[in-house]
Amino acid sequence: ANGLVENKIKKEDRRAVDIVISQKGLDLMTEIDKTESAAMFHPF
């Protein structure tokens, strides 16, 4: 709903759904890794 992941319907079984990270999700993870990495690992 927030556009961070997308469903991919399987061709072999249309009832089965796979999940893939969207470009927006990749961008968010890159931003978090870039700007928050030091803060996340500060306690260690």
PDB file of all heavy atoms in Angstrom:
ATOM      1  N   ALA A   1       0.835  -1.212   0.000  1.00  0.00           N
ATOM      2  CA  ALA A   1       0.000   0.000   0.000  1.00  0.00           C
ATOM      3  C   ALA A   1       0.867   1.259   0.000  1.00  0.00           C
ATOM      4  O   ALA A   1       0.473   2.288  -0.544  1.00  0.00           O
ATOM      5  CB  ALA A   1      -0.931  -0.003   1.210  1.00  0.00           C
ATOM      6  N   ASN A   2       2.068   1.166   0.585  1.00  0.00           N
ATOM      7  CA  ASN A   2       2.993   2.295   0.611  1.00  0.00           C
ATOM      8  C   ASN A   2       3.933   2.302  -0.595  1.00  0.00           C
ATOM      9  O   ASN A   2       4.837   3.141  -0.677  1.00  0.00           O
ATOM     10  CB  ASN A   2       3.810   2.283   1.905  1.00  0.00           C
ATOM     11  CG  ASN A   2       2.954   2.597   3.105  1.00  0.00           C
ATOM     12  OD1 ASN A   2       2.004   3.358   3.022  1.00  0.00           O
ATOM     13  ND2 ASN A   2       3.278   2.010   4.243  1.00  0.00           N
ATOM     14  N   GLY A   3       3.739   1.359  -1.511  1.00  0.00           N
ATOM     15  CA  GLY A   3       4.540   1.326  -2.736  1.00  0.00           C
ATOM     16  C   GLY A   3       5.948   0.795  -2.550  1.00  0.00           C
ATOM     17  O   GLY A   3       6.791   0.978  -3.429  1.00  0.00           O
ATOM     18  N   LEU A   4       6.225   0.108  -1.427  1.00  0.00           N
ATOM     19  CA  LEU A   4       7.582  -0.361  -1.146  1.00  0.00           C
ATOM     20  C   LEU A   4       7.860  -1.771  -1.667  1.00  0.00           C
ATOM     21  O   LEU A   4       9.019  -2.147  -1.833  1.00  0.00           O
ATOM     22  CB  LEU A   4       7.861  -0.290   0.357  1.00  0.00           C
ATOM     23  CG  LEU A   4       7.757   1.119   0.955  1.00  0.00           C
ATOM     24  CD1 LEU A   4       7.868   1.071   2.472  1.00  0.00           C
ATOM     25  CD2 LEU A   4       8.814   2.038   0.367  1.00  0.00           C
ATOM     26  N   VAL A   5       6.797  -2.537  -1.910  1.00  0.00           N
ATOM     27  CA  VAL A   5       6.930  -3.868  -2.502  1.00  0.00           C
ATOM     28  C   VAL A   5       5.856  -4.050  -3.559  1.00  0.00           C
ATOM     29  O   VAL A   5       4.860  -3.325  -3.580  1.00  0.00           O
ATOM     30  CB  VAL A   5       6.836  -5.014  -1.452  1.00  0.00           C
ATOM     31  CG1 VAL A   5       7.912  -4.886  -0.394  1.00  0.00           C
ATOM     32  CG2 VAL A   5       5.461  -5.086  -0.822  1.00  0.00           C
ATOM     33  N   GLU A   6       6.076  -5.032  -4.432  1.00  0.00           N
ATOM     34  CA  GLU A   6       5.115  -5.331  -5.498  1.00  0.00           C
ATOM     35  C   GLU A   6       4.862  -6.829  -5.526  1.00  0.00           C
ATOM     36  O   GLU A   6       5.753  -7.616  -5.222  1.00  0.00           O
ATOM     37  CB  GLU A   6       5.680  -4.899  -6.854  1.00  0.00           C
ATOM     38  CG  GLU A   6       5.964  -3.422  -6.960  1.00  0.00           C
ATOM     39  CD  GLU A   6       6.743  -3.058  -8.223  1.00  0.00           C
ATOM     40  OE1 GLU A   6       7.218  -3.970  -8.936  1.00  0.00           O
ATOM     41  OE2 GLU A   6       6.881  -1.852  -8.479  1.00  0.00           O
ATOM     42  N   ASN A   7       3.640  -7.192  -5.902  1.00  0.00           N
ATOM     43  CA  ASN A   7       3.294  -8.600  -6.106  1.00  0.00           C
ATOM     44  C   ASN A   7       3.615  -8.987  -7.534  1.00  0.00           C
ATOM     45  O   ASN A   7       3.386  -8.213  -8.464  1.00  0.00           O
ATOM     46  CB  ASN A   7       1.802  -8.848  -5.856  1.00  0.00           C
ATOM     47  CG  ASN A   7       1.458  -8.797  -4.393  1.00  0.00           C
ATOM     48  OD1 ASN A   7       2.313  -8.872  -3.524  1.00  0.00           O
ATOM     49  ND2 ASN A   7       0.173  -8.679  -4.106  1.00  0.00           N
ATOM     50  N   LYS A   8       4.131 -10.181  -7.696  1.00  0.00           N
ATOM     51  CA  LYS A   8       4.397 -10.741  -9.025  1.00  0.00           C
ATOM     52  C   LYS A   8       3.628 -12.058  -9.127  1.00  0.00           C
ATOM     53  O   LYS A   8       3.855 -12.971  -8.340  1.00  0.00           O
ATOM     54  CB  LYS A   8       5.896 -11.015  -9.231  1.00  0.00           C
ATOM     55  CG  LYS A   8       6.767  -9.774  -9.165  1.00  0.00           C
ATOM     56  CD  LYS A   8       6.583  -8.931 -10.392  1.00  0.00           C
ATOM     57  CE  LYS A   8       7.491  -7.715 -10.327  1.00  0.00           C
ATOM     58  NZ  LYS A   8       7.265  -6.775 -11.364  1.00  0.00           N
ATOM     59  N   ILE A   9       2.690 -12.116 -10.066  1.00  0.00           N
ATOM     60  CA  ILE A   9       1.911 -13.331 -10.286  1.00  0.00           C
ATOM     61  C   ILE A   9       2.809 -14.356 -10.991  1.00  0.00           C
ATOM     62  O   ILE A   9       3.463 -14.028 -11.987  1.00  0.00           O
ATOM     63  CB  ILE A   9       0.658 -13.053 -11.144  1.00  0.00           C
ATOM     64  CG1 ILE A   9      -0.182 -11.914 -10.549  1.00  0.00           C
ATOM     65  CG2 ILE A   9      -0.168 -14.310 -11.334  1.00  0.00           C
ATOM     66  CD1 ILE A   9      -0.868 -12.232  -9.262  1.00  0.00           C
ATOM     67  N   LYS A  10       2.799 -15.591 -10.494  1.00  0.00           N
ATOM     68  CA  LYS A  10       3.586 -16.642 -11.137  1.00  0.00           C
ATOM     69  C   LYS A  10       2.878 -17.116 -12.399  1.00  0.00           C
ATOM     70  O   LYS A  10       1.661 -17.314 -12.394  1.00  0.00           O
ATOM     71  CB  LYS A  10       3.768 -17.827 -10.181  1.00  0.00           C
ATOM     72  CG  LYS A  10       4.707 -17.553  -9.048  1.00  0.00           C
ATOM     73  CD  LYS A  10       4.948 -18.829  -8.261  1.00  0.00           C
ATOM     74  CE  LYS A  10       5.986 -18.588  -7.197  1.00  0.00           C
ATOM     75  NZ  LYS A  10       6.340 -19.814  -6.504  1.00  0.00           N
ATOM     76  N   LYS A  11       3.632 -17.296 -13.457  1.00  0.00           N
ATOM     77  CA  LYS A  11       3.047 -17.740 -14.722  1.00  0.00           C
ATOM     78  C   LYS A  11       2.544 -19.182 -14.614  1.00  0.00           C
ATOM     79  O   LYS A  11       1.524 -19.534 -15.192  1.00  0.00           O
ATOM     80  CB  LYS A  11       4.063 -17.620 -15.848  1.00  0.00           C
ATOM     81  CG  LYS A  11       4.385 -16.182 -16.196  1.00  0.00           C
ATOM     82  CD  LYS A  11       5.434 -16.100 -17.280  1.00  0.00           C
ATOM     83  CE  LYS A  11       5.770 -14.631 -17.524  1.00  0.00           C
ATOM     84  NZ  LYS A  11       6.887 -14.456 -18.418  1.00  0.00           N
ATOM     85  N   GLU A  12       3.273 -20.026 -13.860  1.00  0.00           N
ATOM     86  CA  GLU A  12       2.915 -21.438 -13.739  1.00  0.00           C
ATOM     87  C   GLU A  12       1.643 -21.644 -12.919  1.00  0.00           C
ATOM     88  O   GLU A  12       0.893 -22.579 -13.151  1.00  0.00           O
ATOM     89  CB  GLU A  12       4.013 -22.269 -13.053  1.00  0.00           C
ATOM     90  CG  GLU A  12       5.457 -21.984 -13.342  1.00  0.00           C
ATOM     91  CD  GLU A  12       6.017 -20.751 -12.657  1.00  0.00           C
ATOM     92  OE1 GLU A  12       6.170 -20.714 -11.424  1.00  0.00           O
ATOM     93  OE2 GLU A  12       6.324 -19.815 -13.398  1.00  0.00           O
ATOM     94  N   ASP A  13       1.453 -20.797 -11.920  1.00  0.00           N
ATOM     95  CA  ASP A  13       0.300 -20.934 -11.023  1.00  0.00           C
ATOM     96  C   ASP A  13      -0.210 -19.532 -10.703  1.00  0.00           C
ATOM     97  O   ASP A  13       0.330 -18.852  -9.833  1.00  0.00           O
ATOM     98  CB  ASP A  13       0.711 -21.672  -9.748  1.00  0.00           C
ATOM     99  CG  ASP A  13      -0.443 -21.888  -8.784  1.00  0.00           C
ATOM    100  OD1 ASP A  13      -1.572 -21.435  -9.076  1.00  0.00           O
ATOM    101  OD2 ASP A  13      -0.222 -22.518  -7.742  1.00  0.00           O
ATOM    102  N   ARG A  14      -1.238 -19.106 -11.375  1.00  0.00           N
ATOM    103  CA  ARG A  14      -1.717 -17.727 -11.254  1.00  0.00           C
ATOM    104  C   ARG A  14      -2.276 -17.414  -9.865  1.00  0.00           C
ATOM    105  O   ARG A  14      -2.502 -16.271  -9.539  1.00  0.00           O
ATOM    106  CB  ARG A  14      -2.740 -17.423 -12.344  1.00  0.00           C
ATOM    107  CG  ARG A  14      -2.100 -17.559 -13.739  1.00  0.00           C
ATOM    108  CD  ARG A  14      -2.935 -17.008 -14.840  1.00  0.00           C
ATOM    109  NE  ARG A  14      -3.319 -15.632 -14.731  1.00  0.00           N
ATOM    110  CZ  ARG A  14      -2.565 -14.573 -15.015  1.00  0.00           C
ATOM    111  NH1 ARG A  14      -1.322 -14.754 -15.400  1.00  0.00           N
ATOM    112  NH2 ARG A  14      -3.034 -13.356 -14.910  1.00  0.00           N
ATOM    113  N   ARG A  15      -2.511 -18.453  -9.048  1.00  0.00           N
ATOM    114  CA  ARG A  15      -2.979 -18.218  -7.674  1.00  0.00           C
ATOM    115  C   ARG A  15      -1.811 -17.879  -6.753  1.00  0.00           C
ATOM    116  O   ARG A  15      -1.997 -17.266  -5.720  1.00  0.00           O
ATOM    117  CB  ARG A  15      -3.707 -19.447  -7.138  1.00  0.00           C
ATOM    118  CG  ARG A  15      -5.014 -19.726  -7.877  1.00  0.00           C
ATOM    119  CD  ARG A  15      -5.554 -21.053  -7.467  1.00  0.00           C
ATOM    120  NE  ARG A  15      -4.592 -22.086  -7.872  1.00  0.00           N
ATOM    121  CZ  ARG A  15      -4.620 -23.352  -7.499  1.00  0.00           C
ATOM    122  NH1 ARG A  15      -5.539 -23.780  -6.693  1.00  0.00           N
ATOM    123  NH2 ARG A  15      -3.718 -24.207  -7.919  1.00  0.00           N
ATOM    124  N   ALA A  16      -0.621 -18.313  -7.132  1.00  0.00           N
ATOM    125  CA  ALA A  16       0.569 -18.073  -6.310  1.00  0.00           C
ATOM    126  C   ALA A  16       1.129 -16.682  -6.601  1.00  0.00           C
ATOM    127  O   ALA A  16       1.153 -16.226  -7.742  1.00  0.00           O
ATOM    128  CB  ALA A  16       1.629 -19.124  -6.587  1.00  0.00           C
ATOM    129  N   VAL A  17       1.566 -16.010  -5.543  1.00  0.00           N
ATOM    130  CA  VAL A  17       2.085 -14.653  -5.673  1.00  0.00           C
ATOM    131  C   VAL A  17       3.474 -14.587  -5.046  1.00  0.00           C
ATOM    132  O   VAL A  17       3.702 -15.112  -3.962  1.00  0.00           O
ATOM    133  CB  VAL A  17       1.142 -13.641  -4.968  1.00  0.00           C
ATOM    134  CG1 VAL A  17       1.724 -12.249  -5.003  1.00  0.00           C
ATOM    135  CG2 VAL A  17      -0.229 -13.654  -5.603  1.00  0.00           C
ATOM    136  N   ASP A  18       4.380 -13.974  -5.754  1.00  0.00           N
ATOM    137  CA  ASP A  18       5.710 -13.685  -5.223  1.00  0.00           C
ATOM    138  C   ASP A  18       5.789 -12.205  -4.914  1.00  0.00           C
ATOM    139  O   ASP A  18       5.053 -11.399  -5.484  1.00  0.00           O
ATOM    140  CB  ASP A  18       6.800 -14.054  -6.235  1.00  0.00           C
ATOM    141  CG  ASP A  18       7.123 -15.537  -6.239  1.00  0.00           C
ATOM    142  OD1 ASP A  18       6.808 -16.219  -5.243  1.00  0.00           O
ATOM    143  OD2 ASP A  18       7.704 -16.007  -7.224  1.00  0.00           O
ATOM    144  N   ILE A  19       6.699 -11.856  -4.032  1.00  0.00           N
ATOM    145  CA  ILE A  19       6.867 -10.460  -3.628  1.00  0.00           C
ATOM    146  C   ILE A  19       8.274 -10.024  -4.009  1.00  0.00           C
ATOM    147  O   ILE A  19       9.244 -10.761  -3.836  1.00  0.00           O
ATOM    148  CB  ILE A  19       6.649 -10.297  -2.103  1.00  0.00           C
ATOM    149  CG1 ILE A  19       5.195 -10.601  -1.724  1.00  0.00           C
ATOM    150  CG2 ILE A  19       6.954  -8.881  -1.666  1.00  0.00           C
ATOM    151  CD1 ILE A  19       4.925 -12.005  -1.426  1.00  0.00           C
ATOM    152  N   VAL A  20       8.362  -8.809  -4.551  1.00  0.00           N
ATOM    153  CA  VAL A  20       9.649  -8.217  -4.913  1.00  0.00           C
ATOM    154  C   VAL A  20       9.668  -6.784  -4.389  1.00  0.00           C
ATOM    155  O   VAL A  20       8.635  -6.118  -4.337  1.00  0.00           O
ATOM    156  CB  VAL A  20       9.891  -8.285  -6.444  1.00  0.00           C
ATOM    157  CG1 VAL A  20       8.920  -7.402  -7.204  1.00  0.00           C
ATOM    158  CG2 VAL A  20      11.320  -7.941  -6.799  1.00  0.00           C
ATOM    159  N   ILE A  21      10.834  -6.334  -3.987  1.00  0.00           N
ATOM    160  CA  ILE A  21      10.960  -4.959  -3.519  1.00  0.00           C
ATOM    161  C   ILE A  21      10.836  -4.021  -4.717  1.00  0.00           C
ATOM    162  O   ILE A  21      11.350  -4.307  -5.797  1.00  0.00           O
ATOM    163  CB  ILE A  21      12.288  -4.752  -2.747  1.00  0.00           C
ATOM    164  CG1 ILE A  21      12.311  -3.402  -2.025  1.00  0.00           C
ATOM    165  CG2 ILE A  21      13.487  -4.922  -3.659  1.00  0.00           C
ATOM    166  CD1 ILE A  21      13.457  -3.256  -1.024  1.00  0.00           C
ATOM    167  N   SER A  22      10.116  -2.925  -4.535  1.00  0.00           N
ATOM    168  CA  SER A  22       9.930  -1.950  -5.621  1.00  0.00           C
ATOM    169  C   SER A  22      11.124  -0.992  -5.664  1.00  0.00           C
ATOM    170  O   SER A  22      11.960  -0.980  -4.750  1.00  0.00           O
ATOM    171  CB  SER A  22       8.651  -1.148  -5.386  1.00  0.00           C
ATOM    172  OG  SER A  22       8.806  -0.322  -4.242  1.00  0.00           O
ATOM    173  N   GLN A  23      11.156  -0.174  -6.704  1.00  0.00           N
ATOM    174  CA  GLN A  23      12.222   0.838  -6.785  1.00  0.00           C
ATOM    175  C   GLN A  23      12.130   1.802  -5.609  1.00  0.00           C
ATOM    176  O   GLN A  23      13.144   2.208  -5.041  1.00  0.00           O
ATOM    177  CB  GLN A  23      12.155   1.601  -8.117  1.00  0.00           C
ATOM    178  CG  GLN A  23      13.324   2.544  -8.327  1.00  0.00           C
ATOM    179  CD  GLN A  23      14.669   1.837  -8.292  1.00  0.00           C
ATOM    180  OE1 GLN A  23      14.878   0.856  -8.995  1.00  0.00           O
ATOM    181  NE2 GLN A  23      15.585   2.320  -7.454  1.00  0.00           N
ATOM    182  N   LYS A  24      10.902   2.157  -5.224  1.00  0.00           N
ATOM    183  CA  LYS A  24      10.711   3.034  -4.058  1.00  0.00           C
ATOM    184  C   LYS A  24      11.262   2.367  -2.798  1.00  0.00           C
ATOM    185  O   LYS A  24      11.893   3.023  -1.967  1.00  0.00           O
ATOM    186  CB  LYS A  24       9.225   3.358  -3.893  1.00  0.00           C
ATOM    187  CG  LYS A  24       8.920   4.314  -2.764  1.00  0.00           C
ATOM    188  CD  LYS A  24       7.431   4.643  -2.695  1.00  0.00           C
ATOM    189  CE  LYS A  24       7.126   5.546  -1.506  1.00  0.00           C
ATOM    190  NZ  LYS A  24       5.678   5.820  -1.392  1.00  0.00           N
ATOM    191  N   GLY A  25      11.055   1.056  -2.656  1.00  0.00           N
ATOM    192  CA  GLY A  25      11.593   0.319  -1.514  1.00  0.00           C
ATOM    193  C   GLY A  25      13.112   0.275  -1.540  1.00  0.00           C
ATOM    194  O   GLY A  25      13.770   0.444  -0.505  1.00  0.00           O
ATOM    195  N   LEU A  26      13.675   0.051  -2.725  1.00  0.00           N
ATOM    196  CA  LEU A  26      15.138   0.059  -2.865  1.00  0.00           C
ATOM    197  C   LEU A  26      15.714   1.427  -2.512  1.00  0.00           C
ATOM    198  O   LEU A  26      16.733   1.524  -1.822  1.00  0.00           O
ATOM    199  CB  LEU A  26      15.539  -0.330  -4.290  1.00  0.00           C
ATOM    200  CG  LEU A  26      15.365  -1.796  -4.671  1.00  0.00           C
ATOM    201  CD1 LEU A  26      15.550  -1.969  -6.179  1.00  0.00           C
ATOM    202  CD2 LEU A  26      16.323  -2.684  -3.896  1.00  0.00           C
ATOM    203  N   ASP A  27      15.041   2.481  -2.983  1.00  0.00           N
ATOM    204  CA  ASP A  27      15.497   3.845  -2.683  1.00  0.00           C
ATOM    205  C   ASP A  27      15.441   4.119  -1.175  1.00  0.00           C
ATOM    206  O   ASP A  27      16.357   4.718  -0.615  1.00  0.00           O
ATOM    207  CB  ASP A  27      14.654   4.877  -3.433  1.00  0.00           C
ATOM    208  CG  ASP A  27      14.852   4.822  -4.938  1.00  0.00           C
ATOM    209  OD1 ASP A  27      15.845   4.214  -5.403  1.00  0.00           O
ATOM    210  OD2 ASP A  27      13.995   5.377  -5.660  1.00  0.00           O
ATOM    211  N   LEU A  28      14.368   3.663  -0.526  1.00  0.00           N
ATOM    212  CA  LEU A  28      14.244   3.854   0.919  1.00  0.00           C
ATOM    213  C   LEU A  28      15.358   3.128   1.663  1.00  0.00           C
ATOM    214  O   LEU A  28      15.994   3.697   2.558  1.00  0.00           O
ATOM    215  CB  LEU A  28      12.874   3.363   1.422  1.00  0.00           C
ATOM    216  CG  LEU A  28      12.677   3.434   2.935  1.00  0.00           C
ATOM    217  CD1 LEU A  28      12.638   4.880   3.430  1.00  0.00           C
ATOM    218  CD2 LEU A  28      11.402   2.693   3.342  1.00  0.00           C
ATOM    219  N   MET A  29      15.623   1.885   1.287  1.00  0.00           N
ATOM    220  CA  MET A  29      16.679   1.116   1.955  1.00  0.00           C
ATOM    221  C   MET A  29      18.048   1.763   1.736  1.00  0.00           C
ATOM    222  O   MET A  29      18.863   1.815   2.663  1.00  0.00           O
ATOM    223  CB  MET A  29      16.674  -0.329   1.458  1.00  0.00           C
ATOM    224  CG  MET A  29      15.442  -1.111   1.876  1.00  0.00           C
ATOM    225  SD  MET A  29      15.213  -1.218   3.665  1.00  0.00           S
ATOM    226  CE  MET A  29      16.484  -2.409   4.068  1.00  0.00           C
ATOM    227  N   THR A  30      18.289   2.283   0.540  1.00  0.00           N
ATOM    228  CA  THR A  30      19.551   2.970   0.260  1.00  0.00           C
ATOM    229  C   THR A  30      19.674   4.215   1.137  1.00  0.00           C
ATOM    230  O   THR A  30      20.737   4.475   1.709  1.00  0.00           O
ATOM    231  CB  THR A  30      19.642   3.343  -1.231  1.00  0.00           C
ATOM    232  OG1 THR A  30      19.573   2.145  -2.011  1.00  0.00           O
ATOM    233  CG2 THR A  30      20.925   4.088  -1.539  1.00  0.00           C
ATOM    234  N   GLU A  31      18.588   4.961   1.256  1.00  0.00           N
ATOM    235  CA  GLU A  31      18.602   6.172   2.089  1.00  0.00           C
ATOM    236  C   GLU A  31      18.851   5.826   3.557  1.00  0.00           C
ATOM    237  O   GLU A  31      19.663   6.474   4.222  1.00  0.00           O
ATOM    238  CB  GLU A  31      17.276   6.916   1.953  1.00  0.00           C
ATOM    239  CG  GLU A  31      17.235   8.211   2.761  1.00  0.00           C
ATOM    240  CD  GLU A  31      15.905   8.938   2.651  1.00  0.00           C
ATOM    241  OE1 GLU A  31      15.094   8.616   1.763  1.00  0.00           O
ATOM    242  OE2 GLU A  31      15.686   9.830   3.483  1.00  0.00           O
ATOM    243  N   ILE A  32      18.176   4.800   4.051  1.00  0.00           N
ATOM    244  CA  ILE A  32      18.379   4.395   5.444  1.00  0.00           C
ATOM    245  C   ILE A  32      19.818   3.942   5.656  1.00  0.00           C
ATOM    246  O   ILE A  32      20.469   4.357   6.615  1.00  0.00           O
ATOM    247  CB  ILE A  32      17.380   3.287   5.852  1.00  0.00           C
ATOM    248  CG1 ILE A  32      15.956   3.840   5.888  1.00  0.00           C
ATOM    249  CG2 ILE A  32      17.757   2.689   7.207  1.00  0.00           C
ATOM    250  CD1 ILE A  32      14.873   2.775   6.069  1.00  0.00           C
ATOM    251  N   ASP A  33      20.319   3.109   4.751  1.00  0.00           N
ATOM    252  CA  ASP A  33      21.698   2.616   4.878  1.00  0.00           C
ATOM    253  C   ASP A  33      22.703   3.762   4.846  1.00  0.00           C
ATOM    254  O   ASP A  33      23.669   3.775   5.599  1.00  0.00           O
ATOM    255  CB  ASP A  33      22.021   1.610   3.761  1.00  0.00           C
ATOM    256  CG  ASP A  33      21.292   0.288   3.939  1.00  0.00           C
ATOM    257  OD1 ASP A  33      20.756   0.038   5.034  1.00  0.00           O
ATOM    258  OD2 ASP A  33      21.239  -0.484   2.965  1.00  0.00           O
ATOM    259  N   LYS A  34      22.451   4.728   3.975  1.00  0.00           N
ATOM    260  CA  LYS A  34      23.386   5.845   3.804  1.00  0.00           C
ATOM    261  C   LYS A  34      23.346   6.806   4.992  1.00  0.00           C
ATOM    262  O   LYS A  34      24.379   7.213   5.501  1.00  0.00           O
ATOM    263  CB  LYS A  34      23.066   6.585   2.500  1.00  0.00           C
ATOM    264  CG  LYS A  34      24.027   7.703   2.164  1.00  0.00           C
ATOM    265  CD  LYS A  34      23.745   8.301   0.804  1.00  0.00           C
ATOM    266  CE  LYS A  34      22.343   8.865   0.777  1.00  0.00           C
ATOM    267  NZ  LYS A  34      21.955   9.512  -0.465  1.00  0.00           N
ATOM    268  N   THR A  35      22.150   7.163   5.425  1.00  0.00           N
ATOM    269  CA  THR A  35      22.033   8.207   6.443  1.00  0.00           C
ATOM    270  C   THR A  35      21.972   7.687   7.872  1.00  0.00           C
ATOM    271  O   THR A  35      22.283   8.417   8.800  1.00  0.00           O
ATOM    272  CB  THR A  35      20.794   9.092   6.188  1.00  0.00           C
ATOM    273  OG1 THR A  35      19.630   8.271   6.192  1.00  0.00           O
ATOM    274  CG2 THR A  35      20.891   9.823   4.873  1.00  0.00           C
ATOM    275  N   GLU A  36      21.566   6.429   8.063  1.00  0.00           N
ATOM    276  CA  GLU A  36      21.354   5.929   9.422  1.00  0.00           C
ATOM    277  C   GLU A  36      22.318   4.828   9.842  1.00  0.00           C
ATOM    278  O   GLU A  36      22.259   4.357  10.971  1.00  0.00           O
ATOM    279  CB  GLU A  36      19.917   5.401   9.577  1.00  0.00           C
ATOM    280  CG  GLU A  36      18.851   6.413   9.269  1.00  0.00           C
ATOM    281  CD  GLU A  36      18.810   7.587  10.246  1.00  0.00           C
ATOM    282  OE1 GLU A  36      19.412   7.515  11.332  1.00  0.00           O
ATOM    283  OE2 GLU A  36      18.160   8.591   9.903  1.00  0.00           O
ATOM    284  N   SER A  37      23.197   4.414   8.958  1.00  0.00           N
ATOM    285  CA  SER A  37      24.091   3.308   9.272  1.00  0.00           C
ATOM    286  C   SER A  37      24.876   3.552  10.560  1.00  0.00           C
ATOM    287  O   SER A  37      24.941   2.696  11.440  1.00  0.00           O
ATOM    288  CB  SER A  37      25.045   3.048   8.110  1.00  0.00           C
ATOM    289  OG  SER A  37      25.861   1.950   8.396  1.00  0.00           O
ATOM    290  N   ALA A  38      25.470   4.719  10.687  1.00  0.00           N
ATOM    291  CA  ALA A  38      26.253   5.030  11.887  1.00  0.00           C
ATOM    292  C   ALA A  38      25.372   5.025  13.134  1.00  0.00           C
ATOM    293  O   ALA A  38      25.744   4.487  14.166  1.00  0.00           O
ATOM    294  CB  ALA A  38      26.948   6.374  11.732  1.00  0.00           C
ATOM    295  N   ALA A  39      24.176   5.597  13.028  1.00  0.00           N
ATOM    296  CA  ALA A  39      23.271   5.639  14.184  1.00  0.00           C
ATOM    297  C   ALA A  39      22.802   4.244  14.571  1.00  0.00           C
ATOM    298  O   ALA A  39      22.727   3.914  15.758  1.00  0.00           O
ATOM    299  CB  ALA A  39      22.069   6.529  13.871  1.00  0.00           C
ATOM    300  N   MET A  40      22.504   3.404  13.583  1.00  0.00           N
ATOM    301  CA  MET A  40      22.041   2.047  13.876  1.00  0.00           C
ATOM    302  C   MET A  40      23.101   1.229  14.601  1.00  0.00           C
ATOM    303  O   MET A  40      22.799   0.472  15.498  1.00  0.00           O
ATOM    304  CB  MET A  40      21.622   1.324  12.598  1.00  0.00           C
ATOM    305  CG  MET A  40      20.280   1.720  12.093  1.00  0.00           C
ATOM    306  SD  MET A  40      19.859   0.651  10.706  1.00  0.00           S
ATOM    307  CE  MET A  40      18.199   1.176  10.393  1.00  0.00           C
ATOM    308  N   PHE A  41      24.340   1.400  14.183  1.00  0.00           N
ATOM    309  CA  PHE A  41      25.402   0.577  14.755  1.00  0.00           C
ATOM    310  C   PHE A  41      26.166   1.263  15.876  1.00  0.00           C
ATOM    311  O   PHE A  41      27.091   0.692  16.441  1.00  0.00           O
ATOM    312  CB  PHE A  41      26.348   0.098  13.642  1.00  0.00           C
ATOM    313  CG  PHE A  41      25.668  -0.866  12.719  1.00  0.00           C
ATOM    314  CD1 PHE A  41      25.191  -0.460  11.490  1.00  0.00           C
ATOM    315  CD2 PHE A  41      25.466  -2.179  13.107  1.00  0.00           C
ATOM    316  CE1 PHE A  41      24.536  -1.342  10.654  1.00  0.00           C
ATOM    317  CE2 PHE A  41      24.810  -3.075  12.279  1.00  0.00           C
ATOM    318  CZ  PHE A  41      24.346  -2.652  11.051  1.00  0.00           C
ATOM    319  N   HIS A  42      25.753   2.473  16.238  1.00  0.00           N
ATOM    320  CA  HIS A  42      26.422   3.207  17.311  1.00  0.00           C
ATOM    321  C   HIS A  42      26.560   2.408  18.609  1.00  0.00           C
ATOM    322  O   HIS A  42      27.624   2.421  19.224  1.00  0.00           O
ATOM    323  CB  HIS A  42      25.731   4.546  17.573  1.00  0.00           C
ATOM    324  CG  HIS A  42      26.336   5.320  18.684  1.00  0.00           C
ATOM    325  ND1 HIS A  42      27.529   5.991  18.528  1.00  0.00           N
ATOM    326  CD2 HIS A  42      25.965   5.480  19.979  1.00  0.00           C
ATOM    327  CE1 HIS A  42      27.848   6.551  19.685  1.00  0.00           C
ATOM    328  NE2 HIS A  42      26.913   6.264  20.571  1.00  0.00           N
ATOM    329  N   PRO A  43      25.518   1.700  19.051  1.00  0.00           N
ATOM    330  CA  PRO A  43      25.672   0.947  20.307  1.00  0.00           C
ATOM    331  C   PRO A  43      26.743  -0.142  20.240  1.00  0.00           C
ATOM    332  O   PRO A  43      27.186  -0.639  21.279  1.00  0.00           O
ATOM    333  CB  PRO A  43      24.292   0.303  20.519  1.00  0.00           C
ATOM    334  CG  PRO A  43      23.354   1.101  19.702  1.00  0.00           C
ATOM    335  CD  PRO A  43      24.151   1.612  18.540  1.00  0.00           C
ATOM    336  N   PHE A  44      27.190  -0.507  19.058  1.00  0.00           N
ATOM    337  CA  PHE A  44      28.141  -1.601  18.904  1.00  0.00           C
ATOM    338  C   PHE A  44      29.557  -1.127  18.569  1.00  0.00           C
ATOM    339  O   PHE A  44      30.441  -1.950  18.346  1.00  0.00           O
ATOM    340  CB  PHE A  44      27.636  -2.565  17.815  1.00  0.00           C
ATOM    341  CG  PHE A  44      26.202  -2.956  18.016  1.00  0.00           C
ATOM    342  CD1 PHE A  44      25.204  -2.390  17.234  1.00  0.00           C
ATOM    343  CD2 PHE A  44      25.844  -3.855  19.000  1.00  0.00           C
ATOM    344  CE1 PHE A  44      23.874  -2.735  17.423  1.00  0.00           C
ATOM    345  CE2 PHE A  44      24.513  -4.201  19.203  1.00  0.00           C
ATOM    346  CZ  PHE A  44      23.525  -3.647  18.411  1.00  0.00           C
TER     347      PHE A  44
END
